[in-house]
C-alpha cells in the first residue's frame, strides 16, 4: 500500500468563542493592561463566566447617540480591548482556513484532570486566591508576572481542557494533527505559577498521549525556556524534551543551559539549545533541523508535541531573537514532514505559547495552520479585510 499523501492529513483545530475569551483573560494577552494585571480581564465580556453576552459599554459621554455612532464606538473599543487569541482567531477565520480543518469545541478540564500534575493545595489557592494570605501567594509564586486575577482557575482549566481535547482527538485516531493555539503554558510547575502560566497544559496533554502512544517528544521554540515542562519530565526516559530558546544573563526564566540533560533514567532525554540575541536566523534553523531530526531518529516517538511560541520573532516586545515568520513556518514544515508526510505517521499536537506583537503573532500562526493543513497556496497574499484589519498596516501583507 502506498504511504498517505501529504494532502490527506487530517487536521483538527481546537477552538471556541469561550476558549478564546477565557484564554485572553490573562493580562499579557491584552494591549491595555496596567501593572496590577487587571485591565485585560475587565475588558472581556462576562458570558464565558456565566454573565451577559451583551456589550453595555457604549460611550455615555458622547453627545451623538445615533445607532451608527454607537456601533462605531463599540467596534473601536473592541479593537482596542481585543485579546491576542481573539485577534488570531479572527485572522484564521478571515483567511478561509476553517474550511481546511475540522473545528472541535473543547470544555474546561476538571480539577481531577489538573491533579495529574498539579498539587491540590495549589489548585485550591488558585481558585480562592482572594482569601489567601500574602505568604500563601508567595509560596505558590502567585505574584508579579503570575499575579492572579478574577477567574484565574477557570482561565487555566479552559486552556488545559483544550490541549487535553487535542490529545484525545489524536488518541482516538480522529486526526493526524491537532492544534490548540491558546495552549503552551510551559512555565507552570506542579505547585508554582510563573510567566503568565498557571496550569501546564503541555504536560497534561503529553501524559494523555503517553497512555495511547507511549513515547512522547516535546519540542519547544518559544523564546523563553520551557522550564516547567522540563521539570515535569526531568527523570523520565519516556518523554524527550527539546527547548530552543534565548539564554542570557537576566533573561527570563534563567534556566535551560545546554549542560542540563536530565537526571537518573532521564539522563540524555532532556535537550536544551540556547541562543543569544546576536544569533542569526540561519544558525537557528540549522540547529533546529539537525537537533530535531537527530532526536526524532534516536527516540522514535509515538507522538510529538510542538510548542510553537512566536515571541522569538524579531519584532516581539518580550523576545530577543531575530526570527521571521518564514522561520517559524520552516520549523513547522520540518516537523510536519517527519511526523505526517513520511511512511509512518506520528500524531502531532501543536500548541501556541508566547507572542506579544499581536499582529505578527496572528499572521505567523495563521501561516502555521496553513502549513499544517497543506493550505499554503490558498492563503491570500494580503491580510483580508475583517474586524482587526487596521492593525496590519502599513503593508497589510500576510505572506
Protein backbone atom coordinates (compact mmCIF):
# COMPACT_ATOMS: atom_id res chain seq x y z
CA UNK A 1 0.00 0.00 0.00
CA UNK A 2 1.30 3.46 -0.89
CA UNK A 3 2.03 5.81 2.02
CA UNK A 4 -0.59 8.51 2.67
CA UNK A 5 -0.19 11.63 0.62
CA UNK A 6 0.50 14.91 2.47
CA UNK A 7 -2.83 16.39 1.48
CA UNK A 8 -4.64 13.52 3.18
CA UNK A 9 -3.54 14.62 6.66
CA UNK A 10 -6.48 15.25 8.95
CA UNK A 11 -6.11 18.46 10.94
CA UNK A 12 -8.26 19.39 13.93
CA UNK A 13 -8.31 22.95 15.27
CA UNK A 14 -9.49 23.03 18.87
CA UNK A 15 -11.16 26.35 19.43
CA UNK A 16 -14.35 28.07 20.50
CA UNK A 17 -15.56 31.50 21.44
CA UNK A 18 -15.44 30.65 25.13
CA UNK A 19 -11.94 29.16 24.93
CA UNK A 20 -10.62 32.27 23.19
CA UNK A 21 -12.20 34.59 25.73
CA UNK A 22 -11.06 32.52 28.69
CA UNK A 23 -7.53 32.37 27.33
CA UNK A 24 -7.46 36.12 26.74
CA UNK A 25 -8.31 36.73 30.38
CA UNK A 26 -4.58 36.74 31.13
CA UNK A 27 -3.48 40.39 31.06
CA UNK A 28 -0.41 39.65 28.93
CA UNK A 29 -2.79 38.93 26.06
CA UNK A 30 -4.11 42.50 26.06
CA UNK A 31 -2.58 45.66 24.75
CA UNK A 32 -4.30 47.56 27.57
CA UNK A 33 -3.03 46.05 30.82
CA UNK A 34 -1.86 48.02 33.81
CA UNK A 35 0.87 46.94 36.23
CA UNK A 36 -1.69 45.41 38.55
CA UNK A 37 -2.65 42.91 35.83
CA UNK A 38 -6.28 43.98 35.99
CA UNK A 39 -7.28 45.84 32.84
CA UNK A 40 -7.14 42.90 30.45
CA UNK A 41 -9.74 40.81 32.23
CA UNK A 42 -12.22 43.55 32.97
CA UNK A 43 -12.33 44.43 29.26
CA UNK A 44 -13.67 40.96 28.44
CA UNK A 45 -17.37 40.10 28.12
CA UNK A 46 -18.57 38.09 31.08
CA UNK A 47 -20.57 35.40 29.24
CA UNK A 48 -17.72 32.88 29.44
CA UNK A 49 -18.04 33.01 33.23
CA UNK A 50 -21.84 32.87 33.09
CA UNK A 51 -22.72 36.56 32.73
CA UNK A 52 -24.42 38.55 29.97
CA UNK A 53 -23.30 38.41 26.34
CA UNK A 54 -24.36 41.97 25.64
CA UNK A 55 -21.88 44.82 25.39
CA UNK A 56 -23.29 47.52 27.62
CA UNK A 57 -20.25 49.76 27.37
CA UNK A 58 -21.32 52.44 24.86
CA UNK A 59 -19.66 55.78 25.39
CA UNK A 60 -22.08 57.51 27.75
CA UNK A 61 -20.29 60.84 27.46
CA UNK A 62 -20.78 61.15 23.71
CA UNK A 63 -23.40 63.63 22.55
CA UNK A 64 -24.11 61.60 19.42
CA UNK A 65 -26.34 58.68 20.43
CA UNK A 66 -27.29 57.60 16.91
CA UNK A 67 -27.21 53.82 16.40
CA UNK A 68 -24.50 54.11 13.75
CA UNK A 69 -22.17 56.12 16.01
CA UNK A 70 -22.83 53.85 18.99
CA UNK A 71 -21.96 50.79 16.90
CA UNK A 72 -18.82 52.51 15.57
CA UNK A 73 -17.69 53.35 19.12
CA UNK A 74 -18.26 49.76 20.20
CA UNK A 75 -16.19 48.49 17.28
CA UNK A 76 -13.35 50.86 18.16
CA UNK A 77 -13.49 49.81 21.79
CA UNK A 78 -13.45 46.13 20.83
CA UNK A 79 -10.40 46.65 18.64
CA UNK A 80 -8.67 48.46 21.49
CA UNK A 81 -9.61 45.88 24.13
CA UNK A 82 -9.31 42.76 21.95
CA UNK A 83 -7.12 39.99 23.27
CA UNK A 84 -4.40 38.21 21.37
CA UNK A 85 -6.27 34.98 20.76
CA UNK A 86 -9.35 36.84 19.55
CA UNK A 87 -7.15 38.63 17.01
CA UNK A 88 -5.52 35.36 15.94
CA UNK A 89 -8.84 33.56 15.59
CA UNK A 90 -10.27 36.41 13.53
CA UNK A 91 -7.42 36.29 11.01
CA UNK A 92 -7.52 32.48 10.70
CA UNK A 93 -11.25 32.71 10.03
CA UNK A 94 -10.96 35.60 7.56
CA UNK A 95 -8.23 33.71 5.68
CA UNK A 96 -10.60 30.81 4.97
CA UNK A 97 -8.64 28.20 6.93
CA UNK A 98 -11.65 26.93 8.85
CA UNK A 99 -12.71 25.31 5.58
CA UNK A 100 -9.47 23.29 5.56
CA UNK A 101 -9.61 21.89 9.11
CA UNK A 102 -12.09 20.21 11.42
CA UNK A 103 -13.10 22.51 14.25
CA UNK A 104 -13.71 20.90 17.63
CA UNK A 105 -15.02 22.84 20.62
CA UNK A 106 -13.39 21.91 23.96
CA UNK A 107 -14.63 22.01 27.51
CA UNK A 108 -12.63 23.16 30.55
CA UNK A 109 -10.59 20.47 32.25
CA UNK A 110 -11.79 19.12 35.56
CA UNK A 111 -9.84 19.66 38.76
CA UNK A 112 -9.25 15.93 38.80
CA UNK A 113 -7.60 16.14 35.38
CA UNK A 114 -5.40 19.04 36.52
CA UNK A 115 -4.31 17.00 39.56
CA UNK A 116 -2.44 14.67 37.20
CA UNK A 117 0.33 17.27 37.54
CA UNK A 118 -0.68 19.98 39.99
CA UNK A 119 -0.93 19.71 43.75
CA UNK A 120 -4.43 20.02 45.13
CA UNK A 121 -3.41 22.66 47.68
CA UNK A 122 -2.06 24.84 44.85
CA UNK A 123 -5.25 24.48 42.82
CA UNK A 124 -7.33 25.33 45.90
CA UNK A 125 -5.41 28.56 46.46
CA UNK A 126 -5.65 29.35 42.74
CA UNK A 127 -9.43 29.01 42.96
CA UNK A 128 -9.75 31.17 46.08
CA UNK A 129 -6.76 33.48 45.89
CA UNK A 130 -8.74 36.44 47.22
CA UNK A 131 -8.86 34.66 50.60
CA UNK A 132 -5.21 33.58 50.56
CA UNK A 133 -2.59 35.25 52.71
CA UNK A 134 0.41 37.02 51.26
CA UNK A 135 2.55 34.13 52.48
CA UNK A 136 0.41 31.58 50.63
CA UNK A 137 0.56 33.60 47.43
CA UNK A 138 4.32 33.88 47.73
CA UNK A 139 4.64 30.15 48.39
CA UNK A 140 2.96 29.35 45.08
CA UNK A 141 4.65 32.25 43.23
CA UNK A 142 1.27 33.90 42.64
CA UNK A 143 2.93 37.31 42.45
CA UNK A 144 4.48 39.65 39.89
CA UNK A 145 4.12 38.16 36.37
CA UNK A 146 2.00 35.37 37.81
CA UNK A 147 -0.27 37.56 39.92
CA UNK A 148 -3.76 36.02 39.95
CA UNK A 149 -6.82 37.75 38.56
CA UNK A 150 -10.57 37.07 38.74
CA UNK A 151 -11.49 33.63 37.33
CA UNK A 152 -7.83 32.65 37.02
CA UNK A 153 -8.53 28.99 37.81
CA UNK A 154 -11.29 28.80 35.20
CA UNK A 155 -8.97 30.51 32.74
CA UNK A 156 -6.33 27.85 33.33
CA UNK A 157 -8.78 24.93 33.18
CA UNK A 158 -10.14 26.11 29.82
CA UNK A 159 -6.63 26.09 28.36
CA UNK A 160 -5.82 22.70 29.85
CA UNK A 161 -9.13 21.32 28.63
CA UNK A 162 -8.38 22.42 25.08
CA UNK A 163 -4.99 20.70 24.99
CA UNK A 164 -6.49 17.56 26.55
CA UNK A 165 -9.19 17.70 23.87
CA UNK A 166 -6.46 17.90 21.19
CA UNK A 167 -4.70 14.90 22.74
CA UNK A 168 -7.98 12.97 22.82
CA UNK A 169 -8.54 13.67 19.10
CA UNK A 170 -5.15 12.15 18.35
CA UNK A 171 -5.60 9.22 20.72
CA UNK A 172 -8.96 8.36 19.15
CA UNK A 173 -7.48 8.45 15.65
CA UNK A 174 -9.78 11.29 14.66
CA UNK A 175 -6.90 13.48 13.49
CA UNK A 176 -3.27 13.28 12.48
CA UNK A 177 -2.61 16.84 13.69
CA UNK A 178 -4.46 18.62 16.49
CA UNK A 179 -3.91 22.31 17.24
CA UNK A 180 -4.63 24.43 20.32
CA UNK A 181 -3.15 27.87 19.74
CA UNK A 182 -4.45 29.01 23.14
CA UNK A 183 -2.19 26.48 24.86
CA UNK A 184 1.52 26.24 25.53
CA UNK A 185 1.76 27.29 29.20
CA UNK A 186 5.20 25.80 29.67
CA UNK A 187 6.37 27.69 32.78
CA UNK A 188 3.80 26.34 35.25
CA UNK A 189 5.02 23.74 37.73
CA UNK A 190 3.22 21.27 39.94
CA UNK A 191 2.79 23.83 42.71
CA UNK A 192 4.09 27.01 41.14
CA UNK A 193 2.79 29.60 38.72
CA UNK A 194 5.25 31.51 36.56
CA UNK A 195 5.43 33.70 33.49
CA UNK A 196 1.66 34.13 32.96
CA UNK A 197 1.30 30.31 33.23
CA UNK A 198 -0.88 28.75 35.92
CA UNK A 199 -1.60 25.19 34.71
CA UNK A 200 0.82 23.37 32.42
CA UNK A 201 -1.40 22.10 29.60
CA UNK A 202 1.63 20.73 27.72
CA UNK A 203 2.50 18.29 30.48
CA UNK A 204 -1.13 17.25 30.97
CA UNK A 205 -1.57 16.62 27.23
CA UNK A 206 1.73 14.73 27.00
CA UNK A 207 0.64 12.47 29.85
CA UNK A 208 -2.59 11.78 27.99
CA UNK A 209 -0.68 10.98 24.81
CA UNK A 210 1.60 8.61 26.72
CA UNK A 211 -1.38 6.44 27.64
CA UNK A 212 -2.07 5.77 23.98
CA UNK A 213 1.26 6.21 22.19
CA UNK A 214 3.94 5.51 24.81
CA UNK A 215 6.95 7.66 24.00
CA UNK A 216 6.28 11.38 23.55
CA UNK A 217 8.64 14.00 22.17
CA UNK A 218 8.12 17.68 23.10
CA UNK A 219 9.86 20.34 21.00
CA UNK A 220 9.55 23.96 22.13
CA UNK A 221 10.64 27.03 20.12
CA UNK A 222 9.28 29.73 22.42
CA UNK A 223 11.95 32.37 23.09
CA UNK A 224 11.75 31.51 26.80
CA UNK A 225 12.99 28.19 28.12
CA UNK A 226 10.21 25.68 28.87
CA UNK A 227 11.31 25.21 32.47
CA UNK A 228 8.04 23.85 33.87
CA UNK A 229 7.77 21.19 31.19
CA UNK A 230 11.42 20.24 31.65
CA UNK A 231 10.99 19.80 35.41
CA UNK A 232 7.98 17.55 34.97
CA UNK A 233 9.88 15.05 32.82
CA UNK A 234 13.43 15.56 34.10
CA UNK A 235 13.68 11.96 35.37
CA UNK A 236 11.77 10.28 32.53
CA UNK A 237 13.15 8.34 29.57
CA UNK A 238 9.66 8.05 28.09
CA UNK A 239 9.37 11.76 27.28
CA UNK A 240 12.09 13.59 25.36
CA UNK A 241 12.01 17.36 25.80
CA UNK A 242 13.81 19.76 23.45
CA UNK A 243 13.86 23.51 24.02
CA UNK A 244 15.27 26.11 21.62
CA UNK A 245 15.37 29.40 23.49
CA UNK A 246 17.23 32.57 24.35
CA UNK A 247 19.54 32.32 27.34
CA UNK A 248 21.47 35.33 28.59
CA UNK A 249 22.08 36.95 31.99
CA UNK A 250 18.86 38.48 33.25
CA UNK A 251 16.65 36.89 30.59
CA UNK A 252 13.60 35.01 31.94
CA UNK A 253 13.46 32.35 33.32
CA UNK A 254 17.24 31.97 33.61
CA UNK A 255 17.27 28.19 33.05
CA UNK A 256 17.96 25.95 30.07
CA UNK A 257 21.72 25.63 29.88
CA UNK A 258 22.95 23.07 27.35
CA UNK A 259 24.52 21.08 30.19
CA UNK A 260 21.05 20.27 31.59
CA UNK A 261 20.35 16.86 30.04
CA UNK A 262 18.01 15.17 32.51
CA UNK A 263 18.55 13.17 35.68
CA UNK A 264 18.55 9.49 36.61
CA UNK A 265 16.73 7.47 33.97
CA UNK A 266 16.06 10.74 32.20
CA UNK A 267 19.74 11.46 31.58
CA UNK A 268 20.08 12.31 27.88
CA UNK A 269 16.33 12.76 27.38
CA UNK A 270 16.37 16.48 28.05
CA UNK A 271 17.88 18.68 25.33
CA UNK A 272 18.49 22.42 25.61
CA UNK A 273 19.67 24.53 22.68
CA UNK A 274 20.28 28.09 23.96
CA UNK A 275 20.88 31.15 21.79
CA UNK A 276 21.85 34.76 22.42
CA UNK A 277 20.19 37.81 20.91
CA UNK A 278 23.09 38.02 18.47
CA UNK A 279 22.30 34.60 16.97
CA UNK A 280 21.17 34.83 13.37
CA UNK A 281 18.28 33.12 11.61
CA UNK A 282 20.44 30.70 9.67
CA UNK A 283 22.10 29.42 12.85
CA UNK A 284 18.72 28.85 14.49
CA UNK A 285 17.26 26.95 11.54
CA UNK A 286 20.39 24.85 11.08
CA UNK A 287 20.38 23.86 14.76
CA UNK A 288 16.64 23.23 14.78
CA UNK A 289 16.65 20.90 11.81
CA UNK A 290 19.71 18.94 12.90
CA UNK A 291 18.69 18.53 16.54
CA UNK A 292 15.07 17.72 15.74
CA UNK A 293 15.86 15.19 13.01
CA UNK A 294 18.61 13.51 15.04
CA UNK A 295 16.43 13.35 18.15
CA UNK A 296 13.47 12.03 16.19
CA UNK A 297 15.60 9.23 14.75
CA UNK A 298 17.12 8.40 18.16
CA UNK A 299 13.92 8.48 20.17
CA UNK A 300 11.35 7.10 17.68
CA UNK A 301 8.44 8.88 19.39
CA UNK A 302 4.91 7.57 19.32
CA UNK A 303 3.62 11.17 19.36
CA UNK A 304 5.09 14.66 19.11
CA UNK A 305 4.08 17.90 20.84
CA UNK A 306 5.22 21.12 19.13
CA UNK A 307 5.14 24.20 21.38
CA UNK A 308 5.05 26.91 18.72
CA UNK A 309 5.76 30.13 20.58
CA UNK A 310 6.24 33.14 18.32
CA UNK A 311 7.95 35.54 20.71
CA UNK A 312 11.29 34.74 19.06
CA UNK A 313 10.16 36.96 16.18
CA UNK A 314 12.41 39.98 15.91
CA UNK A 315 9.57 42.46 16.43
CA UNK A 316 8.32 40.86 19.65
CA UNK A 317 8.50 43.21 22.66
CA UNK A 318 9.26 40.38 25.11
CA UNK A 319 11.62 38.43 22.85
CA UNK A 320 15.13 39.00 21.68
CA UNK A 321 15.90 36.70 18.77
CA UNK A 322 15.82 37.67 15.12
CA UNK A 323 13.44 35.15 13.59
CA UNK A 324 10.96 35.96 10.82
CA UNK A 325 7.59 34.35 10.26
CA UNK A 326 9.17 32.30 7.45
CA UNK A 327 11.48 30.68 10.01
CA UNK A 328 8.61 29.60 12.26
CA UNK A 329 6.83 28.18 9.22
CA UNK A 330 10.03 26.39 8.18
CA UNK A 331 10.24 24.72 11.63
CA UNK A 332 6.62 23.68 11.27
CA UNK A 333 7.32 22.22 7.84
CA UNK A 334 10.26 20.17 9.13
CA UNK A 335 8.11 18.72 11.92
CA UNK A 336 5.20 18.02 9.61
CA UNK A 337 7.43 16.27 7.08
CA UNK A 338 8.76 13.84 9.68
CA UNK A 339 5.51 13.29 11.58
CA UNK A 340 2.88 13.28 8.86
CA UNK A 341 4.35 13.09 5.37
CA UNK A 342 6.53 10.04 5.94
CA UNK A 343 5.58 6.38 5.51
CA UNK A 344 4.65 6.04 9.20
CA UNK A 345 2.54 8.80 10.65
CA UNK A 346 3.30 10.08 14.13
CA UNK A 347 0.42 12.05 15.72
CA UNK A 348 1.29 15.72 16.16
CA UNK A 349 -0.15 18.08 18.78
CA UNK A 350 0.61 21.77 18.22
CA UNK A 351 0.13 24.49 20.83
CA UNK A 352 0.77 28.19 20.86
CA UNK A 353 2.82 29.83 23.62
CA UNK A 354 4.31 33.33 23.85
CA UNK A 355 3.80 36.04 21.26
CA UNK A 356 3.25 39.67 22.23
CA UNK A 357 3.33 41.54 18.94
CA UNK A 358 -0.25 40.58 18.28
CA UNK A 359 -0.38 41.37 14.57
CA UNK A 360 2.86 39.46 13.96
CA UNK A 361 1.63 36.56 16.10
CA UNK A 362 -1.68 36.37 14.24
CA UNK A 363 -0.01 36.38 10.83
CA UNK A 364 2.56 33.79 11.86
CA UNK A 365 0.10 31.38 13.47
CA UNK A 366 -2.24 31.73 10.51
CA UNK A 367 0.61 30.66 8.27
CA UNK A 368 1.49 27.81 10.66
CA UNK A 369 -2.06 26.46 10.50
CA UNK A 370 -1.96 26.76 6.70
CA UNK A 371 1.31 24.81 6.64
CA UNK A 372 -0.13 22.08 8.87
CA UNK A 373 -3.26 21.85 6.70
CA UNK A 374 -1.24 21.88 3.45
CA UNK A 375 -3.12 25.04 2.50
CA UNK A 376 -0.27 27.49 1.99
CA UNK A 377 -1.19 28.18 -1.64
CA UNK A 378 -4.75 29.07 -0.69
CA UNK A 379 -3.71 31.87 1.68
CA UNK A 380 -4.19 35.37 0.27
CA UNK A 381 -1.02 37.42 -0.11
CA UNK A 382 -2.60 40.36 1.72
CA UNK A 383 -4.46 40.36 5.01
CA UNK A 384 -8.17 40.02 4.16
CA UNK A 385 -10.48 42.74 5.37
CA UNK A 386 -12.03 41.87 8.71
CA UNK A 387 -12.66 43.38 12.14
CA UNK A 388 -8.98 43.88 13.00
CA UNK A 389 -7.74 44.75 9.50
CA UNK A 390 -6.41 48.15 10.60
CA UNK A 391 -3.80 46.50 12.85
CA UNK A 392 -1.83 45.20 9.88
CA UNK A 393 -0.81 48.45 8.19
CA UNK A 394 1.03 49.92 6.53
CA UNK A 395 1.97 46.85 4.44
CA UNK A 396 -1.13 44.69 5.11
CA UNK A 397 0.90 41.70 3.87
CA UNK A 398 0.03 38.24 5.16
CA UNK A 399 2.79 36.33 3.39
